[in-house]
PDB file of all heavy atoms in Angstrom:
ATOM      1  N   ILE A   1       0.438  -7.543  14.745  1.00  0.00           N
ATOM      2  CA  ILE A   1      -0.381  -7.299  13.558  1.00  0.00           C
ATOM      3  C   ILE A   1      -1.829  -7.530  13.953  1.00  0.00           C
ATOM      4  O   ILE A   1      -2.219  -8.653  14.280  1.00  0.00           O
ATOM      5  CB  ILE A   1       0.016  -8.232  12.398  1.00  0.00           C
ATOM      6  CG1 ILE A   1       1.489  -8.033  12.034  1.00  0.00           C
ATOM      7  CG2 ILE A   1      -0.879  -7.980  11.182  1.00  0.00           C
ATOM      8  CD1 ILE A   1       2.002  -8.994  10.986  1.00  0.00           C
ATOM      9  N   LEU A   2      -2.607  -6.483  13.959  1.00  0.00           N
ATOM     10  CA  LEU A   2      -4.029  -6.582  14.256  1.00  0.00           C
ATOM     11  C   LEU A   2      -4.774  -6.657  12.935  1.00  0.00           C
ATOM     12  O   LEU A   2      -4.914  -5.667  12.228  1.00  0.00           O
ATOM     13  CB  LEU A   2      -4.501  -5.373  15.065  1.00  0.00           C
ATOM     14  CG  LEU A   2      -6.010  -5.300  15.356  1.00  0.00           C
ATOM     15  CD1 LEU A   2      -6.478  -6.509  16.156  1.00  0.00           C
ATOM     16  CD2 LEU A   2      -6.364  -3.997  16.079  1.00  0.00           C
ATOM     17  N   GLU A   3      -5.223  -7.861  12.591  1.00  0.00           N
ATOM     18  CA  GLU A   3      -5.927  -8.075  11.332  1.00  0.00           C
ATOM     19  C   GLU A   3      -7.424  -8.175  11.617  1.00  0.00           C
ATOM     20  O   GLU A   3      -7.849  -8.986  12.430  1.00  0.00           O
ATOM     21  CB  GLU A   3      -5.439  -9.361  10.671  1.00  0.00           C
ATOM     22  CG  GLU A   3      -6.137  -9.669   9.353  1.00  0.00           C
ATOM     23  CD  GLU A   3      -5.971 -11.118   8.968  1.00  0.00           C
ATOM     24  OE1 GLU A   3      -4.867 -11.481   8.508  1.00  0.00           O
ATOM     25  OE2 GLU A   3      -6.928 -11.902   9.137  1.00  0.00           O
ATOM     26  N   VAL A   4      -8.207  -7.353  10.925  1.00  0.00           N
ATOM     27  CA  VAL A   4      -9.640  -7.294  11.183  1.00  0.00           C
ATOM     28  C   VAL A   4     -10.425  -7.437   9.882  1.00  0.00           C
ATOM     29  O   VAL A   4     -10.196  -6.700   8.920  1.00  0.00           O
ATOM     30  CB  VAL A   4     -10.037  -5.967  11.867  1.00  0.00           C
ATOM     31  CG1 VAL A   4     -11.509  -6.001  12.264  1.00  0.00           C
ATOM     32  CG2 VAL A   4      -9.169  -5.694  13.087  1.00  0.00           C
ATOM     33  N   GLY A   5     -11.353  -8.382   9.851  1.00  0.00           N
ATOM     34  CA  GLY A   5     -12.314  -8.467   8.756  1.00  0.00           C
ATOM     35  C   GLY A   5     -11.767  -8.905   7.421  1.00  0.00           C
ATOM     36  O   GLY A   5     -12.336  -8.564   6.385  1.00  0.00           O
ATOM     37  N   ALA A   6     -10.682  -9.664   7.414  1.00  0.00           N
ATOM     38  CA  ALA A   6     -10.120 -10.146   6.148  1.00  0.00           C
ATOM     39  C   ALA A   6     -10.676 -11.533   5.866  1.00  0.00           C
ATOM     40  O   ALA A   6     -10.423 -12.475   6.616  1.00  0.00           O
ATOM     41  CB  ALA A   6      -8.598 -10.186   6.220  1.00  0.00           C
ATOM     42  N   GLY A   7     -11.436 -11.657   4.785  1.00  0.00           N
ATOM     43  CA  GLY A   7     -12.124 -12.904   4.472  1.00  0.00           C
ATOM     44  C   GLY A   7     -11.282 -13.881   3.685  1.00  0.00           C
ATOM     45  O   GLY A   7     -10.068 -13.735   3.549  1.00  0.00           O
ATOM     46  N   GLY A   8     -11.935 -14.888   3.135  1.00  0.00           N
ATOM     47  CA  GLY A   8     -11.215 -15.992   2.538  1.00  0.00           C
ATOM     48  C   GLY A   8     -11.240 -16.089   1.035  1.00  0.00           C
ATOM     49  O   GLY A   8     -10.514 -16.900   0.464  1.00  0.00           O
ATOM     50  N   ASN A   9     -12.042 -15.290   0.364  1.00  0.00           N
ATOM     51  CA  ASN A   9     -12.080 -15.378  -1.092  1.00  0.00           C
ATOM     52  C   ASN A   9     -10.879 -14.682  -1.711  1.00  0.00           C
ATOM     53  O   ASN A   9     -10.267 -15.171  -2.663  1.00  0.00           O
ATOM     54  CB  ASN A   9     -13.376 -14.783  -1.623  1.00  0.00           C
ATOM     55  CG  ASN A   9     -13.916 -15.551  -2.812  1.00  0.00           C
ATOM     56  OD1 ASN A   9     -13.227 -16.380  -3.376  1.00  0.00           O
ATOM     57  ND2 ASN A   9     -15.142 -15.262  -3.195  1.00  0.00           N
ATOM     58  N   VAL A  10     -10.557 -13.540  -1.190  1.00  0.00           N
ATOM     59  CA  VAL A  10      -9.309 -12.855  -1.526  1.00  0.00           C
ATOM     60  C   VAL A  10      -8.454 -12.880  -0.283  1.00  0.00           C
ATOM     61  O   VAL A  10      -8.816 -12.306   0.732  1.00  0.00           O
ATOM     62  CB  VAL A  10      -9.563 -11.398  -1.931  1.00  0.00           C
ATOM     63  CG1 VAL A  10      -8.252 -10.671  -2.177  1.00  0.00           C
ATOM     64  CG2 VAL A  10     -10.407 -11.350  -3.175  1.00  0.00           C
ATOM     65  N   THR A  11      -7.333 -13.555  -0.343  1.00  0.00           N
ATOM     66  CA  THR A  11      -6.516 -13.734   0.850  1.00  0.00           C
ATOM     67  C   THR A  11      -5.310 -12.794   0.895  1.00  0.00           C
ATOM     68  O   THR A  11      -4.340 -13.047   1.601  1.00  0.00           O
ATOM     69  CB  THR A  11      -6.039 -15.191   0.949  1.00  0.00           C
ATOM     70  OG1 THR A  11      -5.310 -15.528  -0.241  1.00  0.00           O
ATOM     71  CG2 THR A  11      -7.222 -16.139   1.104  1.00  0.00           C
ATOM     72  N   THR A  12      -5.382 -11.714   0.155  1.00  0.00           N
ATOM     73  CA  THR A  12      -4.261 -10.773   0.093  1.00  0.00           C
ATOM     74  C   THR A  12      -3.853 -10.298   1.478  1.00  0.00           C
ATOM     75  O   THR A  12      -2.677 -10.350   1.855  1.00  0.00           O
ATOM     76  CB  THR A  12      -4.630  -9.556  -0.773  1.00  0.00           C
ATOM     77  OG1 THR A  12      -5.113  -9.997  -2.032  1.00  0.00           O
ATOM     78  CG2 THR A  12      -3.431  -8.654  -0.968  1.00  0.00           C
ATOM     79  N   VAL A  13      -4.805  -9.812   2.253  1.00  0.00           N
ATOM     80  CA  VAL A  13      -4.499  -9.267   3.578  1.00  0.00           C
ATOM     81  C   VAL A  13      -4.073 -10.380   4.527  1.00  0.00           C
ATOM     82  O   VAL A  13      -3.102 -10.236   5.284  1.00  0.00           O
ATOM     83  CB  VAL A  13      -5.709  -8.505   4.134  1.00  0.00           C
ATOM     84  CG1 VAL A  13      -5.464  -8.076   5.580  1.00  0.00           C
ATOM     85  CG2 VAL A  13      -6.002  -7.277   3.275  1.00  0.00           C
ATOM     86  N   ARG A  14      -4.776 -11.501   4.511  1.00  0.00           N
ATOM     87  CA  ARG A  14      -4.438 -12.614   5.396  1.00  0.00           C
ATOM     88  C   ARG A  14      -3.022 -13.129   5.101  1.00  0.00           C
ATOM     89  O   ARG A  14      -2.250 -13.428   6.020  1.00  0.00           O
ATOM     90  CB  ARG A  14      -5.457 -13.737   5.236  1.00  0.00           C
ATOM     91  CG  ARG A  14      -6.872 -13.350   5.660  1.00  0.00           C
ATOM     92  CD  ARG A  14      -7.874 -14.443   5.353  1.00  0.00           C
ATOM     93  NE  ARG A  14      -7.718 -15.594   6.209  1.00  0.00           N
ATOM     94  CZ  ARG A  14      -8.417 -15.817   7.325  1.00  0.00           C
ATOM     95  NH1 ARG A  14      -9.314 -14.928   7.729  1.00  0.00           N
ATOM     96  NH2 ARG A  14      -8.216 -16.905   8.036  1.00  0.00           N
ATOM     97  N   HIS A  15      -2.688 -13.228   3.831  1.00  0.00           N
ATOM     98  CA  HIS A  15      -1.346 -13.679   3.449  1.00  0.00           C
ATOM     99  C   HIS A  15      -0.292 -12.689   3.926  1.00  0.00           C
ATOM    100  O   HIS A  15       0.754 -13.086   4.461  1.00  0.00           O
ATOM    101  CB  HIS A  15      -1.270 -13.853   1.937  1.00  0.00           C
ATOM    102  CG  HIS A  15       0.050 -14.361   1.445  1.00  0.00           C
ATOM    103  ND1 HIS A  15       1.100 -13.522   1.145  1.00  0.00           N
ATOM    104  CD2 HIS A  15       0.502 -15.637   1.216  1.00  0.00           C
ATOM    105  CE1 HIS A  15       2.137 -14.237   0.740  1.00  0.00           C
ATOM    106  NE2 HIS A  15       1.796 -15.514   0.778  1.00  0.00           N
ATOM    107  N   GLU A  16      -0.554 -11.407   3.751  1.00  0.00           N
ATOM    108  CA  GLU A  16       0.395 -10.387   4.197  1.00  0.00           C
ATOM    109  C   GLU A  16       0.617 -10.472   5.698  1.00  0.00           C
ATOM    110  O   GLU A  16       1.757 -10.382   6.182  1.00  0.00           O
ATOM    111  CB  GLU A  16      -0.113  -9.003   3.806  1.00  0.00           C
ATOM    112  CG  GLU A  16       0.834  -7.851   4.145  1.00  0.00           C
ATOM    113  CD  GLU A  16       2.057  -7.811   3.259  1.00  0.00           C
ATOM    114  OE1 GLU A  16       2.113  -8.555   2.254  1.00  0.00           O
ATOM    115  OE2 GLU A  16       2.982  -7.030   3.564  1.00  0.00           O
ATOM    116  N   SER A  17      -0.462 -10.643   6.438  1.00  0.00           N
ATOM    117  CA  SER A  17      -0.362 -10.694   7.893  1.00  0.00           C
ATOM    118  C   SER A  17       0.523 -11.840   8.366  1.00  0.00           C
ATOM    119  O   SER A  17       1.317 -11.691   9.301  1.00  0.00           O
ATOM    120  CB  SER A  17      -1.754 -10.854   8.513  1.00  0.00           C
ATOM    121  OG  SER A  17      -2.583  -9.754   8.226  1.00  0.00           O
ATOM    122  N   GLU A  18       0.407 -12.989   7.735  1.00  0.00           N
ATOM    123  CA  GLU A  18       1.148 -14.164   8.183  1.00  0.00           C
ATOM    124  C   GLU A  18       2.584 -14.210   7.681  1.00  0.00           C
ATOM    125  O   GLU A  18       3.405 -14.955   8.215  1.00  0.00           O
ATOM    126  CB  GLU A  18       0.413 -15.442   7.774  1.00  0.00           C
ATOM    127  CG  GLU A  18      -0.929 -15.615   8.475  1.00  0.00           C
ATOM    128  CD  GLU A  18      -1.543 -17.002   8.278  1.00  0.00           C
ATOM    129  OE1 GLU A  18      -0.831 -17.899   7.764  1.00  0.00           O
ATOM    130  OE2 GLU A  18      -2.720 -17.188   8.630  1.00  0.00           O
ATOM    131  N   HIS A  19       2.893 -13.407   6.653  1.00  0.00           N
ATOM    132  CA  HIS A  19       4.209 -13.539   6.021  1.00  0.00           C
ATOM    133  C   HIS A  19       5.097 -12.305   6.101  1.00  0.00           C
ATOM    134  O   HIS A  19       6.307 -12.426   5.889  1.00  0.00           O
ATOM    135  CB  HIS A  19       4.037 -13.920   4.541  1.00  0.00           C
ATOM    136  CG  HIS A  19       3.559 -15.312   4.336  1.00  0.00           C
ATOM    137  ND1 HIS A  19       2.222 -15.645   4.403  1.00  0.00           N
ATOM    138  CD2 HIS A  19       4.222 -16.469   4.072  1.00  0.00           C
ATOM    139  CE1 HIS A  19       2.085 -16.948   4.183  1.00  0.00           C
ATOM    140  NE2 HIS A  19       3.275 -17.465   3.981  1.00  0.00           N
ATOM    141  N   VAL A  20       4.560 -11.139   6.388  1.00  0.00           N
ATOM    142  CA  VAL A  20       5.346  -9.918   6.222  1.00  0.00           C
ATOM    143  C   VAL A  20       6.592  -9.899   7.110  1.00  0.00           C
ATOM    144  O   VAL A  20       7.654  -9.433   6.681  1.00  0.00           O
ATOM    145  CB  VAL A  20       4.467  -8.668   6.458  1.00  0.00           C
ATOM    146  CG1 VAL A  20       3.874  -8.637   7.857  1.00  0.00           C
ATOM    147  CG2 VAL A  20       5.257  -7.399   6.188  1.00  0.00           C
ATOM    148  N   PHE A  21       6.503 -10.408   8.352  1.00  0.00           N
ATOM    149  CA  PHE A  21       7.679 -10.433   9.231  1.00  0.00           C
ATOM    150  C   PHE A  21       8.044 -11.858   9.656  1.00  0.00           C
ATOM    151  O   PHE A  21       8.761 -12.055  10.627  1.00  0.00           O
ATOM    152  CB  PHE A  21       7.432  -9.566  10.467  1.00  0.00           C
ATOM    153  CG  PHE A  21       7.258  -8.113  10.147  1.00  0.00           C
ATOM    154  CD1 PHE A  21       6.080  -7.458  10.452  1.00  0.00           C
ATOM    155  CD2 PHE A  21       8.271  -7.396   9.527  1.00  0.00           C
ATOM    156  CE1 PHE A  21       5.905  -6.108  10.152  1.00  0.00           C
ATOM    157  CE2 PHE A  21       8.112  -6.055   9.215  1.00  0.00           C
ATOM    158  CZ  PHE A  21       6.927  -5.405   9.521  1.00  0.00           C
ATOM    159  N   ARG A  22       7.544 -12.821   8.911  1.00  0.00           N
ATOM    160  CA  ARG A  22       7.822 -14.214   9.233  1.00  0.00           C
ATOM    161  C   ARG A  22       9.275 -14.561   8.925  1.00  0.00           C
ATOM    162  O   ARG A  22       9.854 -14.060   7.969  1.00  0.00           O
ATOM    163  CB  ARG A  22       6.880 -15.107   8.407  1.00  0.00           C
ATOM    164  CG  ARG A  22       6.923 -16.585   8.745  1.00  0.00           C
ATOM    165  CD  ARG A  22       5.843 -17.288   7.942  1.00  0.00           C
ATOM    166  NE  ARG A  22       5.894 -18.740   8.086  1.00  0.00           N
ATOM    167  CZ  ARG A  22       5.063 -19.563   7.480  1.00  0.00           C
ATOM    168  NH1 ARG A  22       4.112 -19.081   6.678  1.00  0.00           N
ATOM    169  NH2 ARG A  22       5.164 -20.860   7.649  1.00  0.00           N
ATOM    170  N   ASN A  23       9.849 -15.406   9.753  1.00  0.00           N
ATOM    171  CA  ASN A  23      11.223 -15.907   9.571  1.00  0.00           C
ATOM    172  C   ASN A  23      12.287 -14.833   9.700  1.00  0.00           C
ATOM    173  O   ASN A  23      13.386 -14.967   9.154  1.00  0.00           O
ATOM    174  CB  ASN A  23      11.369 -16.619   8.218  1.00  0.00           C
ATOM    175  CG  ASN A  23      10.547 -17.887   8.144  1.00  0.00           C
ATOM    176  OD1 ASN A  23      10.419 -18.607   9.118  1.00  0.00           O
ATOM    177  ND2 ASN A  23       9.966 -18.152   6.972  1.00  0.00           N
ATOM    178  N   VAL A  24      11.975 -13.756  10.411  1.00  0.00           N
ATOM    179  CA  VAL A  24      12.995 -12.768  10.772  1.00  0.00           C
ATOM    180  C   VAL A  24      13.387 -13.064  12.213  1.00  0.00           C
ATOM    181  O   VAL A  24      12.585 -12.865  13.137  1.00  0.00           O
ATOM    182  CB  VAL A  24      12.467 -11.328  10.640  1.00  0.00           C
ATOM    183  CG1 VAL A  24      13.556 -10.331  11.003  1.00  0.00           C
ATOM    184  CG2 VAL A  24      11.953 -11.075   9.226  1.00  0.00           C
TER     185      VAL A  24
END
């Protein structure tokens, strides 16, 4: 997952990156 330019006020993209395939 190449995540670019996702900031911290809205963490939608950052959350998706860390969780979408986690624990598989």
